[in-house]
N, C-alpha and C. Protein backbone atom coordinates (compact mmCIF):
# COMPACT_ATOMS: atom_id res chain seq x y z
N MET A 1 19.58 50.81 85.85
CA MET A 1 19.12 49.57 86.45
C MET A 1 17.97 49.02 85.60
N THR A 2 18.18 47.84 85.00
CA THR A 2 17.15 47.21 84.20
C THR A 2 16.61 45.99 84.93
N ILE A 3 15.34 46.05 85.26
CA ILE A 3 14.67 44.96 85.96
C ILE A 3 13.93 44.11 84.94
N GLN A 4 14.09 42.81 85.02
CA GLN A 4 13.36 41.86 84.18
C GLN A 4 12.26 41.23 85.02
N TYR A 5 11.06 41.16 84.48
CA TYR A 5 9.93 40.56 85.18
C TYR A 5 9.57 39.24 84.53
N GLU A 6 9.26 38.24 85.35
CA GLU A 6 8.95 36.91 84.87
C GLU A 6 7.67 36.40 85.53
N THR A 7 6.92 35.60 84.78
CA THR A 7 5.73 34.97 85.35
C THR A 7 5.80 33.46 85.28
N SER A 8 6.83 32.93 84.65
CA SER A 8 6.92 31.48 84.53
C SER A 8 8.22 30.94 85.10
N LYS A 9 9.01 31.79 85.68
CA LYS A 9 10.30 31.37 86.21
C LYS A 9 10.12 30.78 87.62
N VAL A 10 10.58 29.56 87.80
CA VAL A 10 10.50 28.88 89.09
C VAL A 10 11.61 29.44 89.99
N ILE A 11 11.28 29.65 91.26
CA ILE A 11 12.30 30.08 92.21
C ILE A 11 12.47 29.00 93.28
N THR A 12 13.63 28.98 93.88
CA THR A 12 13.91 27.98 94.91
C THR A 12 13.41 28.46 96.27
N ILE A 13 13.33 27.54 97.19
CA ILE A 13 12.96 27.89 98.57
C ILE A 13 13.96 28.90 99.12
N ASP A 14 15.25 28.67 98.88
CA ASP A 14 16.28 29.57 99.39
C ASP A 14 16.15 30.97 98.80
N GLN A 15 15.85 31.06 97.50
CA GLN A 15 15.66 32.38 96.89
C GLN A 15 14.46 33.09 97.51
N PHE A 16 13.39 32.36 97.73
CA PHE A 16 12.19 32.95 98.31
C PHE A 16 12.46 33.43 99.74
N ILE A 17 13.11 32.61 100.53
CA ILE A 17 13.45 33.00 101.90
C ILE A 17 14.34 34.24 101.89
N ARG A 18 15.31 34.25 101.00
CA ARG A 18 16.24 35.39 100.93
C ARG A 18 15.51 36.69 100.58
N ILE A 19 14.58 36.65 99.61
CA ILE A 19 13.87 37.89 99.26
C ILE A 19 12.93 38.31 100.38
N LEU A 20 12.35 37.35 101.08
CA LEU A 20 11.52 37.71 102.24
C LEU A 20 12.36 38.40 103.30
N GLU A 21 13.55 37.87 103.56
CA GLU A 21 14.45 38.49 104.54
C GLU A 21 14.90 39.87 104.08
N ARG A 22 15.31 39.99 102.84
CA ARG A 22 15.88 41.24 102.32
C ARG A 22 14.82 42.33 102.14
N SER A 23 13.55 41.92 102.13
CA SER A 23 12.48 42.91 101.99
C SER A 23 11.96 43.38 103.35
N GLY A 24 12.26 42.63 104.40
CA GLY A 24 11.69 42.91 105.72
C GLY A 24 10.46 42.08 106.01
N LEU A 25 9.93 41.40 105.01
CA LEU A 25 8.73 40.58 105.19
C LEU A 25 9.03 39.28 105.93
N GLY A 26 10.29 38.90 105.99
CA GLY A 26 10.69 37.68 106.69
C GLY A 26 10.32 37.68 108.16
N GLU A 27 10.18 38.87 108.74
CA GLU A 27 9.78 38.98 110.15
C GLU A 27 8.35 38.48 110.36
N ARG A 28 7.55 38.47 109.28
CA ARG A 28 6.13 38.12 109.37
C ARG A 28 5.81 36.82 108.64
N ARG A 29 6.82 36.09 108.22
CA ARG A 29 6.62 34.84 107.48
C ARG A 29 7.40 33.72 108.16
N PRO A 30 6.99 32.47 107.97
CA PRO A 30 7.63 31.33 108.67
C PRO A 30 8.92 30.88 107.98
N ILE A 31 9.88 31.78 107.85
CA ILE A 31 11.08 31.48 107.06
C ILE A 31 11.96 30.40 107.69
N ASN A 32 11.76 30.07 108.94
CA ASN A 32 12.53 29.00 109.58
C ASN A 32 11.87 27.64 109.43
N ASP A 33 10.74 27.59 108.78
CA ASP A 33 10.01 26.35 108.54
C ASP A 33 10.03 26.07 107.03
N ARG A 34 11.06 25.37 106.59
CA ARG A 34 11.26 25.13 105.15
C ARG A 34 10.09 24.38 104.51
N GLN A 35 9.49 23.47 105.24
CA GLN A 35 8.36 22.72 104.69
C GLN A 35 7.19 23.66 104.42
N CYS A 36 6.94 24.58 105.33
CA CYS A 36 5.86 25.55 105.13
C CYS A 36 6.18 26.47 103.95
N VAL A 37 7.41 26.93 103.86
CA VAL A 37 7.81 27.81 102.75
C VAL A 37 7.69 27.05 101.42
N GLU A 38 8.06 25.79 101.42
CA GLU A 38 7.91 24.98 100.22
C GLU A 38 6.44 24.89 99.80
N GLN A 39 5.54 24.69 100.77
CA GLN A 39 4.11 24.64 100.48
C GLN A 39 3.61 26.00 99.97
N MET A 40 4.13 27.08 100.53
CA MET A 40 3.75 28.41 100.07
C MET A 40 4.05 28.58 98.59
N LEU A 41 5.22 28.11 98.16
CA LEU A 41 5.60 28.23 96.76
C LEU A 41 4.84 27.24 95.87
N GLU A 42 4.77 25.99 96.30
CA GLU A 42 4.14 24.96 95.47
C GLU A 42 2.65 25.21 95.26
N ASN A 43 1.99 25.80 96.22
CA ASN A 43 0.54 25.96 96.15
C ASN A 43 0.10 27.35 95.71
N ALA A 44 1.05 28.20 95.39
CA ALA A 44 0.69 29.51 94.85
C ALA A 44 0.15 29.32 93.43
N ASP A 45 -0.87 30.07 93.08
CA ASP A 45 -1.44 29.99 91.75
C ASP A 45 -0.75 30.92 90.76
N LEU A 46 -0.13 31.96 91.28
CA LEU A 46 0.49 32.96 90.43
C LEU A 46 1.72 33.52 91.15
N LEU A 47 2.83 33.50 90.45
CA LEU A 47 4.08 34.02 91.00
C LEU A 47 4.69 34.94 89.95
N VAL A 48 4.84 36.20 90.31
CA VAL A 48 5.48 37.18 89.43
C VAL A 48 6.78 37.58 90.12
N THR A 49 7.88 37.54 89.39
CA THR A 49 9.17 37.83 89.99
C THR A 49 9.87 38.97 89.26
N ALA A 50 10.76 39.63 89.99
CA ALA A 50 11.57 40.72 89.44
C ALA A 50 13.04 40.37 89.64
N TRP A 51 13.82 40.55 88.57
CA TRP A 51 15.23 40.15 88.57
C TRP A 51 16.12 41.30 88.15
N LEU A 52 17.20 41.47 88.88
CA LEU A 52 18.27 42.40 88.52
C LEU A 52 19.48 41.51 88.23
N ASP A 53 19.81 41.40 86.97
CA ASP A 53 20.80 40.40 86.51
C ASP A 53 20.26 39.02 86.91
N ASP A 54 21.02 38.26 87.69
CA ASP A 54 20.56 36.94 88.12
C ASP A 54 20.04 36.94 89.55
N ASN A 55 19.83 38.12 90.10
CA ASN A 55 19.39 38.24 91.49
C ASN A 55 17.90 38.53 91.58
N LEU A 56 17.21 37.72 92.37
CA LEU A 56 15.79 37.94 92.63
C LEU A 56 15.66 39.16 93.54
N VAL A 57 14.98 40.21 93.07
CA VAL A 57 14.84 41.43 93.86
C VAL A 57 13.39 41.73 94.21
N GLY A 58 12.46 40.92 93.70
CA GLY A 58 11.06 41.15 94.03
C GLY A 58 10.21 39.96 93.69
N VAL A 59 9.13 39.79 94.44
CA VAL A 59 8.19 38.70 94.18
C VAL A 59 6.79 39.12 94.61
N ALA A 60 5.82 38.73 93.80
CA ALA A 60 4.41 38.84 94.16
C ALA A 60 3.85 37.42 94.08
N ARG A 61 3.41 36.88 95.22
CA ARG A 61 2.90 35.51 95.29
C ARG A 61 1.42 35.57 95.61
N SER A 62 0.60 34.93 94.77
CA SER A 62 -0.85 35.02 94.92
C SER A 62 -1.54 33.66 94.89
N VAL A 63 -2.69 33.62 95.55
CA VAL A 63 -3.60 32.48 95.51
C VAL A 63 -4.88 33.01 94.87
N THR A 64 -5.34 32.35 93.80
CA THR A 64 -6.45 32.91 93.05
C THR A 64 -7.23 31.85 92.27
N ASP A 65 -8.45 32.23 91.89
CA ASP A 65 -9.23 31.43 90.93
C ASP A 65 -9.19 32.08 89.56
N PHE A 66 -8.54 33.23 89.45
CA PHE A 66 -8.32 34.01 88.23
C PHE A 66 -9.58 34.68 87.69
N GLY A 67 -10.75 34.34 88.24
CA GLY A 67 -11.97 34.91 87.70
C GLY A 67 -12.69 35.85 88.65
N TYR A 68 -12.63 35.56 89.95
CA TYR A 68 -13.43 36.31 90.90
C TYR A 68 -12.57 37.03 91.94
N ARG A 69 -11.65 36.30 92.56
CA ARG A 69 -10.82 36.90 93.60
C ARG A 69 -9.38 36.42 93.50
N CYS A 70 -8.48 37.30 93.86
CA CYS A 70 -7.06 36.98 93.94
C CYS A 70 -6.53 37.55 95.26
N TYR A 71 -5.96 36.69 96.08
CA TYR A 71 -5.34 37.12 97.32
C TYR A 71 -3.84 37.24 97.09
N LEU A 72 -3.35 38.45 97.11
CA LEU A 72 -1.92 38.71 96.97
C LEU A 72 -1.28 38.45 98.34
N SER A 73 -0.75 37.25 98.50
CA SER A 73 -0.26 36.78 99.79
C SER A 73 1.04 37.43 100.22
N ASP A 74 1.93 37.64 99.26
CA ASP A 74 3.23 38.23 99.56
C ASP A 74 3.62 39.20 98.45
N LEU A 75 4.01 40.38 98.86
CA LEU A 75 4.64 41.34 97.95
C LEU A 75 5.93 41.75 98.64
N ALA A 76 7.04 41.27 98.10
CA ALA A 76 8.34 41.49 98.73
C ALA A 76 9.31 42.09 97.71
N VAL A 77 9.91 43.22 98.08
CA VAL A 77 10.92 43.87 97.24
C VAL A 77 12.15 44.12 98.10
N ASP A 78 13.29 43.72 97.59
CA ASP A 78 14.56 43.90 98.29
C ASP A 78 14.70 45.37 98.70
N ARG A 79 15.07 45.59 99.96
CA ARG A 79 15.20 46.97 100.47
C ARG A 79 16.14 47.82 99.63
N SER A 80 17.15 47.19 99.03
CA SER A 80 18.14 47.95 98.27
C SER A 80 17.57 48.56 96.99
N VAL A 81 16.41 48.07 96.54
CA VAL A 81 15.80 48.60 95.32
C VAL A 81 14.35 49.06 95.54
N GLN A 82 13.96 49.21 96.81
CA GLN A 82 12.62 49.73 97.07
C GLN A 82 12.53 51.18 96.62
N ARG A 83 11.33 51.61 96.32
CA ARG A 83 11.02 52.96 95.83
C ARG A 83 11.49 53.19 94.39
N ALA A 84 11.63 52.07 93.67
CA ALA A 84 12.01 52.17 92.25
C ALA A 84 10.85 51.71 91.35
N GLY A 85 9.68 51.50 91.93
CA GLY A 85 8.52 51.09 91.15
C GLY A 85 8.38 49.60 90.93
N ILE A 86 9.23 48.80 91.56
CA ILE A 86 9.19 47.36 91.36
C ILE A 86 7.92 46.74 91.95
N GLY A 87 7.56 47.13 93.16
CA GLY A 87 6.34 46.61 93.77
C GLY A 87 5.11 46.95 92.95
N LYS A 88 5.06 48.17 92.49
CA LYS A 88 3.94 48.62 91.65
C LYS A 88 3.85 47.79 90.38
N GLN A 89 4.99 47.52 89.74
CA GLN A 89 4.99 46.73 88.52
C GLN A 89 4.62 45.27 88.80
N LEU A 90 5.06 44.73 89.92
CA LEU A 90 4.68 43.36 90.29
C LEU A 90 3.16 43.25 90.46
N ILE A 91 2.57 44.26 91.09
CA ILE A 91 1.11 44.27 91.26
C ILE A 91 0.43 44.42 89.89
N ARG A 92 0.93 45.31 89.07
CA ARG A 92 0.35 45.52 87.74
C ARG A 92 0.38 44.22 86.92
N LEU A 93 1.51 43.53 86.93
CA LEU A 93 1.64 42.29 86.17
C LEU A 93 0.76 41.18 86.75
N THR A 94 0.61 41.17 88.06
CA THR A 94 -0.31 40.22 88.69
C THR A 94 -1.72 40.48 88.19
N LYS A 95 -2.14 41.73 88.25
CA LYS A 95 -3.49 42.10 87.84
C LYS A 95 -3.74 41.79 86.36
N GLU A 96 -2.74 41.96 85.51
CA GLU A 96 -2.88 41.67 84.08
C GLU A 96 -3.19 40.20 83.81
N ARG A 97 -2.80 39.32 84.71
CA ARG A 97 -3.01 37.90 84.50
C ARG A 97 -4.35 37.42 85.05
N LEU A 98 -5.11 38.32 85.62
CA LEU A 98 -6.41 37.98 86.19
C LEU A 98 -7.53 38.33 85.22
N GLY A 99 -8.66 37.69 85.41
CA GLY A 99 -9.82 38.00 84.59
C GLY A 99 -10.31 39.40 84.85
N PRO A 100 -11.14 39.95 83.95
CA PRO A 100 -11.59 41.33 84.06
C PRO A 100 -12.48 41.62 85.27
N LYS A 101 -13.07 40.59 85.87
CA LYS A 101 -13.94 40.78 87.04
C LYS A 101 -13.26 40.40 88.34
N CYS A 102 -11.99 40.07 88.27
CA CYS A 102 -11.26 39.57 89.44
C CYS A 102 -10.73 40.72 90.30
N LYS A 103 -11.10 40.71 91.58
CA LYS A 103 -10.59 41.70 92.53
C LYS A 103 -9.31 41.21 93.16
N LEU A 104 -8.39 42.13 93.39
CA LEU A 104 -7.13 41.84 94.05
C LEU A 104 -7.25 42.26 95.51
N ILE A 105 -6.96 41.32 96.40
CA ILE A 105 -7.12 41.53 97.85
C ILE A 105 -5.79 41.24 98.52
N LEU A 106 -5.44 42.03 99.52
CA LEU A 106 -4.23 41.75 100.30
C LEU A 106 -4.41 42.21 101.74
N LEU A 107 -3.61 41.64 102.60
CA LEU A 107 -3.49 42.11 103.98
C LEU A 107 -2.13 42.76 104.09
N SER A 108 -2.11 44.00 104.46
CA SER A 108 -0.86 44.75 104.51
C SER A 108 -0.09 44.52 105.80
N ALA A 109 1.22 44.47 105.68
CA ALA A 109 2.05 44.55 106.87
C ALA A 109 1.85 45.95 107.46
N PRO A 110 1.83 46.08 108.77
CA PRO A 110 1.58 47.40 109.37
C PRO A 110 2.49 48.51 108.81
N ALA A 111 3.74 48.21 108.58
CA ALA A 111 4.67 49.23 108.09
C ALA A 111 4.37 49.66 106.65
N ALA A 112 3.61 48.86 105.91
CA ALA A 112 3.32 49.17 104.52
C ALA A 112 1.89 49.66 104.29
N SER A 113 1.13 49.86 105.34
CA SER A 113 -0.29 50.17 105.17
C SER A 113 -0.53 51.51 104.48
N ASP A 114 0.42 52.43 104.51
CA ASP A 114 0.26 53.70 103.82
C ASP A 114 0.65 53.63 102.34
N TYR A 115 1.27 52.53 101.92
CA TYR A 115 1.74 52.36 100.55
C TYR A 115 0.58 52.08 99.59
N TYR A 116 -0.33 51.22 99.98
CA TYR A 116 -1.34 50.72 99.06
C TYR A 116 -2.38 51.73 98.61
N PRO A 117 -2.83 52.67 99.44
CA PRO A 117 -3.78 53.67 98.93
C PRO A 117 -3.22 54.48 97.77
N HIS A 118 -1.91 54.71 97.74
CA HIS A 118 -1.29 55.47 96.64
C HIS A 118 -1.37 54.71 95.31
N LEU A 119 -1.58 53.40 95.40
CA LEU A 119 -1.67 52.59 94.19
C LEU A 119 -3.11 52.37 93.75
N GLY A 120 -4.06 52.89 94.52
CA GLY A 120 -5.46 52.74 94.17
C GLY A 120 -6.22 51.73 95.02
N PHE A 121 -5.55 51.06 95.93
CA PHE A 121 -6.24 50.11 96.81
C PHE A 121 -7.13 50.87 97.80
N GLU A 122 -8.26 50.28 98.10
CA GLU A 122 -9.18 50.84 99.10
C GLU A 122 -9.14 49.97 100.35
N ARG A 123 -9.15 50.63 101.51
CA ARG A 123 -9.20 49.90 102.78
C ARG A 123 -10.56 49.23 102.90
N HIS A 124 -10.56 47.98 103.37
CA HIS A 124 -11.81 47.25 103.55
C HIS A 124 -12.04 47.04 105.04
N PRO A 125 -13.19 47.44 105.56
CA PRO A 125 -13.41 47.42 107.01
C PRO A 125 -13.81 46.07 107.58
N SER A 126 -14.06 45.06 106.75
CA SER A 126 -14.57 43.82 107.33
C SER A 126 -13.75 42.59 106.95
N ALA A 127 -12.45 42.72 106.98
CA ALA A 127 -11.59 41.55 106.79
C ALA A 127 -11.47 40.84 108.14
N TRP A 128 -11.41 39.54 108.12
CA TRP A 128 -11.34 38.75 109.35
C TRP A 128 -10.24 37.72 109.23
N VAL A 129 -9.58 37.44 110.34
CA VAL A 129 -8.47 36.50 110.36
C VAL A 129 -8.70 35.48 111.47
N LEU A 130 -8.54 34.21 111.15
CA LEU A 130 -8.55 33.14 112.14
C LEU A 130 -7.12 32.62 112.17
N HIS A 131 -6.40 32.88 113.26
CA HIS A 131 -4.99 32.54 113.34
C HIS A 131 -4.79 31.03 113.48
N GLU A 132 -3.58 30.61 113.15
CA GLU A 132 -3.26 29.18 113.11
C GLU A 132 -3.46 28.48 114.45
N HIS A 133 -3.35 29.19 115.55
CA HIS A 133 -3.49 28.57 116.87
C HIS A 133 -4.94 28.61 117.38
N GLN A 134 -5.85 29.18 116.61
CA GLN A 134 -7.24 29.31 117.03
C GLN A 134 -8.11 28.26 116.35
N ASP A 135 -9.11 27.80 117.08
CA ASP A 135 -10.12 26.91 116.52
C ASP A 135 -11.36 27.72 116.20
N VAL A 136 -12.17 27.20 115.31
CA VAL A 136 -13.45 27.83 115.03
C VAL A 136 -14.33 27.60 116.26
N LYS A 137 -14.90 28.67 116.75
CA LYS A 137 -15.73 28.58 117.95
C LYS A 137 -17.13 28.08 117.59
N ASN A 138 -17.75 27.38 118.53
CA ASN A 138 -19.13 26.97 118.36
C ASN A 138 -20.03 28.16 118.62
N LEU A 139 -21.08 28.28 117.83
CA LEU A 139 -22.04 29.33 118.06
C LEU A 139 -23.41 28.82 117.62
N SER A 140 -24.42 29.42 118.17
CA SER A 140 -25.76 29.02 117.76
C SER A 140 -26.09 29.77 116.48
N LEU A 141 -26.57 29.05 115.49
CA LEU A 141 -26.85 29.63 114.18
C LEU A 141 -28.30 30.07 114.07
N ASN A 142 -28.48 31.23 113.53
CA ASN A 142 -29.81 31.72 113.20
C ASN A 142 -29.96 31.58 111.70
N LEU A 143 -30.60 30.51 111.27
CA LEU A 143 -30.71 30.22 109.85
C LEU A 143 -31.61 31.19 109.11
N ASP A 144 -32.34 32.04 109.85
CA ASP A 144 -33.16 33.07 109.21
C ASP A 144 -32.39 34.36 109.02
N SER A 145 -31.15 34.37 109.47
CA SER A 145 -30.33 35.58 109.36
C SER A 145 -30.07 35.92 107.89
N PRO A 146 -30.03 37.20 107.57
CA PRO A 146 -29.71 37.61 106.19
C PRO A 146 -28.36 37.05 105.73
N LEU A 147 -27.45 36.75 106.66
CA LEU A 147 -26.16 36.20 106.28
C LEU A 147 -26.33 34.84 105.62
N TYR A 148 -27.29 34.05 106.09
CA TYR A 148 -27.51 32.71 105.54
C TYR A 148 -28.47 32.73 104.37
N LEU A 149 -29.33 33.73 104.34
CA LEU A 149 -30.33 33.78 103.28
C LEU A 149 -29.78 34.32 101.97
N CYS A 150 -28.87 35.29 102.05
CA CYS A 150 -28.41 35.89 100.79
C CYS A 150 -26.94 36.22 100.77
N GLY A 151 -26.14 35.67 101.66
CA GLY A 151 -24.72 35.94 101.64
C GLY A 151 -24.37 37.10 102.56
N SER A 152 -23.10 37.28 102.78
CA SER A 152 -22.65 38.28 103.76
C SER A 152 -22.27 39.60 103.14
N GLY A 153 -22.51 39.79 101.87
CA GLY A 153 -22.17 41.08 101.26
C GLY A 153 -20.93 40.98 100.41
N GLU A 154 -20.61 42.05 99.78
CA GLU A 154 -19.48 42.13 98.85
C GLU A 154 -18.18 42.25 99.60
N VAL A 155 -17.22 41.43 99.26
CA VAL A 155 -15.88 41.50 99.83
C VAL A 155 -14.91 41.66 98.70
């Protein structure tokens, strides 16, 4: 099995939806909302793909500034070729395209949370999520707080 990796190959919405479904990640992505999926692809800063012949078998989709932080939004590998090192290579190729000071950050699907420590990822205890149906709550600000004076710490 020879896998070809690409960083400049454009993929279609249908190809992206299909790999999300075939990887199991489709359960956690808005695959029934084509407009949202189109925005996911169009606004990604970095897309690394894996191909077996003409079939898309893996994708790493990231949002990044290339210098400081990179959020690996989707890592999807077709179930039929999982455990062949494709995900690891997609991550490696993603990291190679980032600057030397750029950290790679991701939120793991619950079923994959044991995968990432084996690749060298460290669990971070202070990640926060504001879901699409939630509004930012009003709160009273303490402008003397260390959070406002010098930042909230390393993430």
